[in-house]
Amino acid sequence: MQLIPRHDPYLVVRSTGGLTVAALRGELDLVLVRHLRPELDALVRESDALTVDIRRLSFCDATGLGLLAHCAGRMHRRGAPWRLLCDQPWILRLIRLTALTDVLHPEPGPPDFPDEQDAVAGLPDPLGQPDPAARLDPLGPPRPVGQPVPPGPVVPLPAEPGVTRPVS
């Protein structure tokens, strides 16, 4: 496993084999997008599979969603697996309202960890020591973008008064 050394309070990246997990925190707005885009572009280019964990974001605007959609699209064009871990109803609503659900495929992911160094569940210790407390992701391995979402845990979305939805 390779721990990418950084001192960035907004991005923690862990990589093992071809799987890379990037955990974002803070406010994903124009300022943070400009800061993170080169790093996320490099991860998209170099990763065999990429999981982006946005469960610790306190804010996300259209610029942030644009960056995530850009990354997902590039992973899809490469035929590489993409996952977006998100369990915040307000971000899920924003993804749905911007019609990006089919591009981003948000999923809830494993339980959250109190320490950002443990933001990636189920990966071994950077020194190669197995972590006995490692938790396996109940959703299984990443899947390529464009594949149908398998039935499984569903993140409930809050009702939106005054918003009509097309009947499926």
N, C-alpha and C. Protein backbone atom coordinates (compact mmCIF):
# COMPACT_ATOMS: atom_id res chain seq x y z
N MET A 1 0.84 -1.18 0.00
CA MET A 1 0.00 0.00 0.00
C MET A 1 0.88 1.24 0.00
N GLN A 2 0.40 2.22 -0.67
CA GLN A 2 1.15 3.47 -0.74
C GLN A 2 0.29 4.58 -0.14
N LEU A 3 0.82 5.25 0.86
CA LEU A 3 0.16 6.42 1.43
C LEU A 3 0.80 7.62 0.76
N ILE A 4 0.00 8.40 0.07
CA ILE A 4 0.53 9.54 -0.65
C ILE A 4 0.78 10.65 0.37
N PRO A 5 2.05 11.06 0.55
CA PRO A 5 2.35 12.05 1.59
C PRO A 5 1.82 13.42 1.21
N ARG A 6 1.06 14.01 2.09
CA ARG A 6 0.52 15.35 1.87
C ARG A 6 0.22 15.97 3.23
N HIS A 7 0.12 17.23 3.22
CA HIS A 7 -0.30 17.96 4.41
C HIS A 7 -1.46 18.85 4.02
N ASP A 8 -2.41 18.27 3.34
CA ASP A 8 -3.57 18.99 2.83
C ASP A 8 -4.76 18.65 3.71
N PRO A 9 -5.34 19.63 4.39
CA PRO A 9 -6.48 19.33 5.25
C PRO A 9 -7.75 18.98 4.48
N TYR A 10 -7.75 19.14 3.17
CA TYR A 10 -8.96 18.92 2.38
C TYR A 10 -8.96 17.60 1.61
N LEU A 11 -7.84 16.91 1.54
CA LEU A 11 -7.74 15.69 0.73
C LEU A 11 -6.81 14.69 1.40
N VAL A 12 -7.35 13.48 1.65
CA VAL A 12 -6.55 12.37 2.14
C VAL A 12 -6.64 11.29 1.09
N VAL A 13 -5.49 10.82 0.61
CA VAL A 13 -5.46 9.82 -0.46
C VAL A 13 -4.72 8.59 0.02
N ARG A 14 -5.32 7.43 -0.21
CA ARG A 14 -4.66 6.15 0.05
C ARG A 14 -4.79 5.30 -1.19
N SER A 15 -3.75 4.54 -1.44
CA SER A 15 -3.74 3.71 -2.63
C SER A 15 -3.13 2.36 -2.30
N THR A 16 -3.73 1.31 -2.82
CA THR A 16 -3.18 -0.03 -2.70
C THR A 16 -3.48 -0.76 -3.99
N GLY A 17 -2.46 -1.38 -4.55
CA GLY A 17 -2.65 -2.00 -5.85
C GLY A 17 -3.11 -0.93 -6.82
N GLY A 18 -4.19 -1.20 -7.53
CA GLY A 18 -4.73 -0.21 -8.45
C GLY A 18 -5.87 0.59 -7.86
N LEU A 19 -6.28 0.27 -6.62
CA LEU A 19 -7.41 0.97 -5.99
C LEU A 19 -6.92 2.20 -5.26
N THR A 20 -7.52 3.34 -5.58
CA THR A 20 -7.18 4.59 -4.91
C THR A 20 -8.45 5.17 -4.31
N VAL A 21 -8.34 5.63 -3.07
CA VAL A 21 -9.46 6.27 -2.38
C VAL A 21 -9.04 7.68 -2.01
N ALA A 22 -9.84 8.66 -2.42
CA ALA A 22 -9.60 10.06 -2.10
C ALA A 22 -10.75 10.55 -1.24
N ALA A 23 -10.45 10.93 -0.01
CA ALA A 23 -11.47 11.44 0.91
C ALA A 23 -11.36 12.97 0.94
N LEU A 24 -12.46 13.64 0.58
CA LEU A 24 -12.50 15.10 0.55
C LEU A 24 -13.21 15.62 1.80
N ARG A 25 -12.78 16.79 2.26
CA ARG A 25 -13.48 17.44 3.37
C ARG A 25 -13.41 18.93 3.19
N GLY A 26 -14.30 19.63 3.86
CA GLY A 26 -14.34 21.08 3.74
C GLY A 26 -15.48 21.51 2.84
N GLU A 27 -15.28 22.63 2.16
CA GLU A 27 -16.30 23.21 1.29
C GLU A 27 -15.83 23.07 -0.16
N LEU A 28 -16.51 22.22 -0.92
CA LEU A 28 -16.13 21.98 -2.31
C LEU A 28 -16.77 23.06 -3.18
N ASP A 29 -16.10 24.20 -3.24
CA ASP A 29 -16.57 25.34 -4.02
C ASP A 29 -15.48 25.72 -5.01
N LEU A 30 -15.63 26.85 -5.68
CA LEU A 30 -14.69 27.27 -6.72
C LEU A 30 -13.24 27.30 -6.21
N VAL A 31 -13.03 27.80 -5.01
CA VAL A 31 -11.67 27.92 -4.47
C VAL A 31 -11.05 26.54 -4.27
N LEU A 32 -11.78 25.64 -3.62
CA LEU A 32 -11.24 24.30 -3.36
C LEU A 32 -11.12 23.49 -4.64
N VAL A 33 -12.05 23.67 -5.59
CA VAL A 33 -11.97 22.96 -6.87
C VAL A 33 -10.67 23.34 -7.58
N ARG A 34 -10.33 24.62 -7.60
CA ARG A 34 -9.07 25.06 -8.24
C ARG A 34 -7.86 24.44 -7.56
N HIS A 35 -7.95 24.25 -6.26
CA HIS A 35 -6.86 23.66 -5.50
C HIS A 35 -6.75 22.15 -5.76
N LEU A 36 -7.89 21.46 -5.83
CA LEU A 36 -7.89 20.00 -5.92
C LEU A 36 -7.86 19.44 -7.34
N ARG A 37 -8.29 20.22 -8.31
CA ARG A 37 -8.42 19.68 -9.67
C ARG A 37 -7.13 19.04 -10.21
N PRO A 38 -5.96 19.68 -10.09
CA PRO A 38 -4.76 19.01 -10.61
C PRO A 38 -4.48 17.66 -9.93
N GLU A 39 -4.71 17.60 -8.63
CA GLU A 39 -4.46 16.36 -7.90
C GLU A 39 -5.47 15.28 -8.28
N LEU A 40 -6.75 15.65 -8.39
CA LEU A 40 -7.75 14.67 -8.79
C LEU A 40 -7.54 14.23 -10.24
N ASP A 41 -7.15 15.14 -11.11
CA ASP A 41 -6.83 14.77 -12.49
C ASP A 41 -5.71 13.73 -12.53
N ALA A 42 -4.69 13.92 -11.71
CA ALA A 42 -3.59 12.95 -11.65
C ALA A 42 -4.08 11.60 -11.13
N LEU A 43 -4.94 11.61 -10.12
CA LEU A 43 -5.49 10.36 -9.60
C LEU A 43 -6.31 9.64 -10.66
N VAL A 44 -7.12 10.39 -11.40
CA VAL A 44 -7.95 9.80 -12.46
C VAL A 44 -7.04 9.18 -13.53
N ARG A 45 -5.97 9.86 -13.86
CA ARG A 45 -5.05 9.39 -14.90
C ARG A 45 -4.31 8.13 -14.47
N GLU A 46 -3.92 8.04 -13.20
CA GLU A 46 -3.02 7.00 -12.75
C GLU A 46 -3.69 5.84 -12.03
N SER A 47 -4.94 5.95 -11.64
CA SER A 47 -5.60 4.91 -10.85
C SER A 47 -6.31 3.91 -11.73
N ASP A 48 -6.21 2.64 -11.35
CA ASP A 48 -6.97 1.60 -12.03
C ASP A 48 -8.43 1.64 -11.59
N ALA A 49 -8.67 2.03 -10.35
CA ALA A 49 -10.02 2.18 -9.80
C ALA A 49 -9.97 3.34 -8.81
N LEU A 50 -10.98 4.21 -8.86
CA LEU A 50 -10.98 5.39 -8.00
C LEU A 50 -12.29 5.49 -7.22
N THR A 51 -12.15 5.64 -5.92
CA THR A 51 -13.28 5.92 -5.04
C THR A 51 -13.07 7.30 -4.45
N VAL A 52 -14.09 8.16 -4.58
CA VAL A 52 -14.04 9.49 -3.99
C VAL A 52 -15.06 9.53 -2.86
N ASP A 53 -14.60 9.81 -1.67
CA ASP A 53 -15.44 9.85 -0.48
C ASP A 53 -15.71 11.30 -0.13
N ILE A 54 -16.98 11.73 -0.31
CA ILE A 54 -17.34 13.12 -0.02
C ILE A 54 -18.25 13.22 1.20
N ARG A 55 -18.25 12.20 2.04
CA ARG A 55 -19.14 12.19 3.20
C ARG A 55 -18.77 13.24 4.23
N ARG A 56 -17.57 13.80 4.17
CA ARG A 56 -17.15 14.82 5.15
C ARG A 56 -17.21 16.24 4.60
N LEU A 57 -17.81 16.43 3.44
CA LEU A 57 -17.95 17.78 2.92
C LEU A 57 -18.99 18.54 3.75
N SER A 58 -18.70 19.80 4.00
CA SER A 58 -19.67 20.65 4.69
C SER A 58 -20.45 21.51 3.70
N PHE A 59 -19.98 21.56 2.43
CA PHE A 59 -20.65 22.35 1.40
C PHE A 59 -20.19 21.84 0.05
N CYS A 60 -21.08 21.88 -0.92
CA CYS A 60 -20.74 21.51 -2.30
C CYS A 60 -21.63 22.32 -3.23
N ASP A 61 -21.01 23.04 -4.17
CA ASP A 61 -21.80 23.81 -5.12
C ASP A 61 -21.69 23.19 -6.51
N ALA A 62 -22.21 23.88 -7.51
CA ALA A 62 -22.21 23.35 -8.87
C ALA A 62 -20.79 23.16 -9.41
N THR A 63 -19.86 24.00 -8.98
CA THR A 63 -18.48 23.84 -9.42
C THR A 63 -17.90 22.54 -8.87
N GLY A 64 -18.21 22.22 -7.62
CA GLY A 64 -17.77 20.97 -7.02
C GLY A 64 -18.37 19.76 -7.73
N LEU A 65 -19.67 19.84 -8.01
CA LEU A 65 -20.32 18.74 -8.75
C LEU A 65 -19.71 18.60 -10.14
N GLY A 66 -19.36 19.73 -10.76
CA GLY A 66 -18.73 19.68 -12.08
C GLY A 66 -17.40 18.95 -12.03
N LEU A 67 -16.61 19.18 -10.98
CA LEU A 67 -15.33 18.48 -10.84
C LEU A 67 -15.56 16.98 -10.67
N LEU A 68 -16.52 16.61 -9.84
CA LEU A 68 -16.82 15.19 -9.63
C LEU A 68 -17.31 14.54 -10.93
N ALA A 69 -18.17 15.24 -11.67
CA ALA A 69 -18.67 14.70 -12.94
C ALA A 69 -17.54 14.56 -13.95
N HIS A 70 -16.62 15.53 -13.96
CA HIS A 70 -15.45 15.47 -14.84
C HIS A 70 -14.62 14.22 -14.54
N CYS A 71 -14.36 13.97 -13.26
CA CYS A 71 -13.57 12.80 -12.86
C CYS A 71 -14.28 11.51 -13.22
N ALA A 72 -15.59 11.44 -12.93
CA ALA A 72 -16.36 10.23 -13.24
C ALA A 72 -16.37 9.97 -14.75
N GLY A 73 -16.53 11.02 -15.54
CA GLY A 73 -16.56 10.87 -17.00
C GLY A 73 -15.24 10.37 -17.54
N ARG A 74 -14.14 10.89 -17.01
CA ARG A 74 -12.82 10.43 -17.47
C ARG A 74 -12.57 8.98 -17.08
N MET A 75 -13.00 8.59 -15.88
CA MET A 75 -12.84 7.20 -15.46
C MET A 75 -13.69 6.30 -16.37
N HIS A 76 -14.90 6.75 -16.68
CA HIS A 76 -15.79 5.99 -17.56
C HIS A 76 -15.17 5.81 -18.94
N ARG A 77 -14.63 6.88 -19.51
CA ARG A 77 -14.01 6.79 -20.84
C ARG A 77 -12.83 5.84 -20.85
N ARG A 78 -12.12 5.74 -19.73
CA ARG A 78 -11.01 4.79 -19.62
C ARG A 78 -11.50 3.38 -19.36
N GLY A 79 -12.78 3.23 -19.01
CA GLY A 79 -13.31 1.90 -18.67
C GLY A 79 -12.89 1.45 -17.28
N ALA A 80 -12.50 2.40 -16.43
CA ALA A 80 -12.03 2.09 -15.08
C ALA A 80 -13.16 2.25 -14.07
N PRO A 81 -13.15 1.45 -13.01
CA PRO A 81 -14.20 1.56 -11.97
C PRO A 81 -14.15 2.90 -11.24
N TRP A 82 -15.33 3.42 -10.94
CA TRP A 82 -15.53 4.70 -10.23
C TRP A 82 -16.56 4.49 -9.15
N ARG A 83 -16.31 5.04 -7.98
CA ARG A 83 -17.30 5.05 -6.89
C ARG A 83 -17.31 6.43 -6.26
N LEU A 84 -18.50 6.87 -5.89
CA LEU A 84 -18.65 8.11 -5.15
C LEU A 84 -19.39 7.77 -3.86
N LEU A 85 -18.72 7.92 -2.72
CA LEU A 85 -19.34 7.65 -1.43
C LEU A 85 -19.95 8.93 -0.90
N CYS A 86 -21.26 8.92 -0.72
CA CYS A 86 -21.98 10.10 -0.26
C CYS A 86 -23.21 9.64 0.51
N ASP A 87 -23.38 10.15 1.71
CA ASP A 87 -24.56 9.81 2.50
C ASP A 87 -25.30 11.04 3.01
N GLN A 88 -24.95 12.21 2.48
CA GLN A 88 -25.57 13.44 2.95
C GLN A 88 -26.78 13.78 2.08
N PRO A 89 -27.97 13.82 2.65
CA PRO A 89 -29.18 14.05 1.86
C PRO A 89 -29.14 15.32 1.02
N TRP A 90 -28.55 16.39 1.53
CA TRP A 90 -28.55 17.65 0.77
C TRP A 90 -27.65 17.56 -0.46
N ILE A 91 -26.55 16.81 -0.39
CA ILE A 91 -25.72 16.62 -1.58
C ILE A 91 -26.41 15.66 -2.55
N LEU A 92 -27.03 14.60 -2.03
CA LEU A 92 -27.75 13.66 -2.89
C LEU A 92 -28.89 14.37 -3.63
N ARG A 93 -29.56 15.28 -2.94
CA ARG A 93 -30.63 16.06 -3.58
C ARG A 93 -30.06 16.93 -4.70
N LEU A 94 -28.92 17.58 -4.45
CA LEU A 94 -28.27 18.40 -5.46
C LEU A 94 -27.85 17.56 -6.67
N ILE A 95 -27.33 16.37 -6.42
CA ILE A 95 -26.95 15.47 -7.52
C ILE A 95 -28.18 15.10 -8.34
N ARG A 96 -29.27 14.80 -7.65
CA ARG A 96 -30.50 14.41 -8.35
C ARG A 96 -31.09 15.59 -9.14
N LEU A 97 -31.11 16.77 -8.54
CA LEU A 97 -31.69 17.93 -9.21
C LEU A 97 -30.88 18.38 -10.42
N THR A 98 -29.59 18.10 -10.41
CA THR A 98 -28.74 18.46 -11.55
C THR A 98 -28.64 17.32 -12.56
N ALA A 99 -29.41 16.25 -12.35
CA ALA A 99 -29.47 15.10 -13.26
C ALA A 99 -28.09 14.44 -13.42
N LEU A 100 -27.32 14.39 -12.34
CA LEU A 100 -26.01 13.76 -12.40
C LEU A 100 -25.96 12.38 -11.73
N THR A 101 -27.11 11.86 -11.34
CA THR A 101 -27.15 10.57 -10.68
C THR A 101 -26.57 9.47 -11.56
N ASP A 102 -26.90 9.47 -12.85
CA ASP A 102 -26.41 8.43 -13.75
C ASP A 102 -24.92 8.58 -14.06
N VAL A 103 -24.36 9.75 -13.82
CA VAL A 103 -22.93 9.97 -14.05
C VAL A 103 -22.13 9.65 -12.79
N LEU A 104 -22.61 10.12 -11.64
CA LEU A 104 -21.85 10.00 -10.39
C LEU A 104 -22.13 8.71 -9.63
N HIS A 105 -23.32 8.15 -9.75
CA HIS A 105 -23.69 6.92 -9.05
C HIS A 105 -23.34 6.97 -7.56
N PRO A 106 -23.90 7.92 -6.80
CA PRO A 106 -23.56 8.00 -5.38
C PRO A 106 -24.05 6.78 -4.62
N GLU A 107 -23.27 6.35 -3.64
CA GLU A 107 -23.64 5.23 -2.78
C GLU A 107 -23.20 5.55 -1.36
N PRO A 108 -23.84 4.94 -0.35
CA PRO A 108 -23.58 5.33 1.03
C PRO A 108 -22.20 4.95 1.55
N GLY A 109 -21.65 3.82 1.21
CA GLY A 109 -20.33 3.42 1.66
C GLY A 109 -20.33 2.86 3.07
N PRO A 110 -19.15 2.49 3.57
CA PRO A 110 -19.04 1.92 4.91
C PRO A 110 -19.25 2.97 5.98
N PRO A 111 -19.39 2.57 7.24
CA PRO A 111 -19.57 3.55 8.32
C PRO A 111 -18.41 4.53 8.37
N ASP A 112 -18.71 5.75 8.81
CA ASP A 112 -17.71 6.80 8.88
C ASP A 112 -16.76 6.52 10.04
N PHE A 113 -15.54 7.03 9.93
CA PHE A 113 -14.54 6.86 10.96
C PHE A 113 -14.24 8.20 11.60
N PRO A 114 -13.91 8.23 12.90
CA PRO A 114 -13.68 9.50 13.57
C PRO A 114 -12.39 10.19 13.14
N ASP A 115 -11.42 9.48 12.64
CA ASP A 115 -10.12 10.06 12.27
C ASP A 115 -9.96 10.01 10.77
N GLU A 116 -9.59 11.13 10.15
CA GLU A 116 -9.48 11.14 8.69
C GLU A 116 -8.39 10.19 8.20
N GLN A 117 -7.45 9.83 9.04
CA GLN A 117 -6.45 8.85 8.61
C GLN A 117 -7.10 7.48 8.42
N ASP A 118 -8.24 7.26 9.06
CA ASP A 118 -8.96 6.00 8.90
C ASP A 118 -10.14 6.15 7.95
N ALA A 119 -10.12 7.17 7.09
CA ALA A 119 -11.25 7.42 6.20
C ALA A 119 -11.45 6.32 5.18
N VAL A 120 -10.45 5.50 4.96
CA VAL A 120 -10.54 4.43 3.98
C VAL A 120 -10.67 3.12 4.72
N ALA A 121 -11.82 2.49 4.60
CA ALA A 121 -12.07 1.24 5.31
C ALA A 121 -11.51 0.06 4.56
N GLY A 122 -11.02 -0.92 5.30
CA GLY A 122 -10.62 -2.18 4.70
C GLY A 122 -9.25 -2.19 4.04
N LEU A 123 -8.49 -1.08 4.08
CA LEU A 123 -7.16 -1.07 3.49
C LEU A 123 -6.14 -1.36 4.58
N PRO A 124 -5.06 -2.08 4.25
CA PRO A 124 -4.06 -2.41 5.26
C PRO A 124 -3.28 -1.20 5.72
N ASP A 125 -2.56 -1.38 6.81
CA ASP A 125 -1.70 -0.35 7.38
C ASP A 125 -0.62 0.04 6.38
N PRO A 126 -0.21 1.35 6.32
CA PRO A 126 0.81 1.77 5.37
C PRO A 126 2.14 1.02 5.52
N LEU A 127 2.42 0.49 6.71
CA LEU A 127 3.66 -0.24 6.91
C LEU A 127 3.53 -1.71 6.53
N GLY A 128 2.37 -2.09 6.01
CA GLY A 128 2.18 -3.46 5.58
C GLY A 128 1.63 -4.38 6.65
N GLN A 129 1.38 -3.85 7.84
CA GLN A 129 0.82 -4.67 8.90
C GLN A 129 -0.68 -4.78 8.71
N PRO A 130 -1.25 -5.99 8.77
CA PRO A 130 -2.70 -6.10 8.62
C PRO A 130 -3.41 -5.40 9.77
N ASP A 131 -4.49 -4.74 9.47
CA ASP A 131 -5.27 -4.03 10.47
C ASP A 131 -6.39 -4.94 10.96
N PRO A 132 -6.33 -5.45 12.19
CA PRO A 132 -7.38 -6.34 12.66
C PRO A 132 -8.73 -5.66 12.78
N ALA A 133 -8.73 -4.34 12.90
CA ALA A 133 -9.99 -3.62 13.02
C ALA A 133 -10.52 -3.17 11.67
N ALA A 134 -9.85 -3.57 10.58
CA ALA A 134 -10.30 -3.13 9.24
C ALA A 134 -11.70 -3.65 8.98
N ARG A 135 -12.51 -2.78 8.41
CA ARG A 135 -13.89 -3.14 8.10
C ARG A 135 -14.02 -3.32 6.60
N LEU A 136 -14.71 -4.35 6.19
CA LEU A 136 -14.92 -4.58 4.78
C LEU A 136 -16.09 -3.74 4.30
N ASP A 137 -16.00 -3.27 3.10
CA ASP A 137 -17.07 -2.47 2.51
C ASP A 137 -18.23 -3.40 2.16
N PRO A 138 -19.41 -3.22 2.74
CA PRO A 138 -20.53 -4.12 2.47
C PRO A 138 -21.05 -4.00 1.05
N LEU A 139 -20.64 -2.98 0.32
CA LEU A 139 -21.14 -2.81 -1.04
C LEU A 139 -20.28 -3.51 -2.07
N GLY A 140 -19.17 -4.11 -1.64
CA GLY A 140 -18.33 -4.87 -2.55
C GLY A 140 -17.37 -4.00 -3.32
N PRO A 141 -16.74 -4.61 -4.36
CA PRO A 141 -15.72 -3.89 -5.12
C PRO A 141 -16.34 -2.81 -5.99
N PRO A 142 -15.52 -1.84 -6.43
CA PRO A 142 -16.03 -0.80 -7.32
C PRO A 142 -16.50 -1.39 -8.64
N ARG A 143 -17.42 -0.72 -9.31
CA ARG A 143 -17.91 -1.18 -10.60
C ARG A 143 -17.67 -0.09 -11.62
N PRO A 144 -17.48 -0.46 -12.90
CA PRO A 144 -17.28 0.57 -13.92
C PRO A 144 -18.50 1.48 -14.03
N VAL A 145 -18.25 2.74 -14.34
CA VAL A 145 -19.33 3.70 -14.54
C VAL A 145 -20.15 3.24 -15.73
N GLY A 146 -21.42 3.39 -15.67
CA GLY A 146 -22.30 3.00 -16.77
C GLY A 146 -22.98 1.67 -16.51
N GLN A 147 -22.42 0.85 -15.61
CA GLN A 147 -23.09 -0.40 -15.28
C GLN A 147 -24.26 -0.07 -14.37
N PRO A 148 -25.35 -0.84 -14.49
CA PRO A 148 -26.50 -0.57 -13.61
C PRO A 148 -26.12 -0.76 -12.15
N VAL A 149 -26.72 0.04 -11.31
CA VAL A 149 -26.49 -0.06 -9.88
C VAL A 149 -27.18 -1.31 -9.37
N PRO A 150 -26.42 -2.23 -8.72
CA PRO A 150 -27.05 -3.44 -8.21
C PRO A 150 -27.97 -3.10 -7.06
N PRO A 151 -29.02 -3.94 -6.87
CA PRO A 151 -29.91 -3.68 -5.74
C PRO A 151 -29.11 -3.82 -4.45
N GLY A 152 -29.42 -3.02 -3.50
CA GLY A 152 -28.70 -3.05 -2.23
C GLY A 152 -29.17 -1.92 -1.35
N PRO A 153 -28.33 -1.49 -0.43
CA PRO A 153 -28.73 -0.42 0.48
C PRO A 153 -29.08 0.84 -0.30
N VAL A 154 -30.15 1.47 0.12
CA VAL A 154 -30.60 2.69 -0.55
C VAL A 154 -30.54 3.82 0.46
N VAL A 155 -30.00 4.94 0.04
CA VAL A 155 -29.95 6.11 0.91
C VAL A 155 -31.27 6.84 0.75
N PRO A 156 -32.06 6.95 1.83
CA PRO A 156 -33.34 7.65 1.70
C PRO A 156 -33.12 9.13 1.44
N LEU A 157 -33.93 9.68 0.57
CA LEU A 157 -33.85 11.10 0.25
C LEU A 157 -35.03 11.82 0.89
N PRO A 158 -34.80 13.01 1.41
CA PRO A 158 -35.90 13.74 2.03
C PRO A 158 -36.91 14.20 0.99
N ALA A 159 -38.16 14.33 1.44
CA ALA A 159 -39.21 14.84 0.56
C ALA A 159 -38.93 16.29 0.22
N GLU A 160 -39.30 16.68 -0.97
CA GLU A 160 -39.06 18.05 -1.41
C GLU A 160 -40.40 18.70 -1.72
N PRO A 161 -40.90 19.53 -0.85
CA PRO A 161 -42.17 20.19 -1.12
C PRO A 161 -42.07 21.10 -2.34
N GLY A 162 -43.07 21.02 -3.19
CA GLY A 162 -43.12 21.90 -4.35
C GLY A 162 -42.33 21.43 -5.55
N VAL A 163 -41.65 20.28 -5.43
CA VAL A 163 -40.87 19.76 -6.56
C VAL A 163 -41.59 18.55 -7.11
N THR A 164 -41.88 18.58 -8.38
CA THR A 164 -42.54 17.43 -8.98
C THR A 164 -41.49 16.59 -9.69
N ARG A 165 -41.71 15.30 -9.64
CA ARG A 165 -40.80 14.36 -10.29
C ARG A 165 -41.52 13.64 -11.40
N PRO A 166 -40.80 13.35 -12.49
CA PRO A 166 -41.43 12.55 -13.55
C PRO A 166 -41.70 11.14 -13.04
N VAL A 167 -42.76 10.55 -13.52
CA VAL A 167 -43.11 9.20 -13.13
C VAL A 167 -42.25 8.25 -13.94
N SER A 168 -41.57 7.31 -13.25
CA SER A 168 -40.69 6.36 -13.95
C SER A 168 -41.44 5.09 -14.25
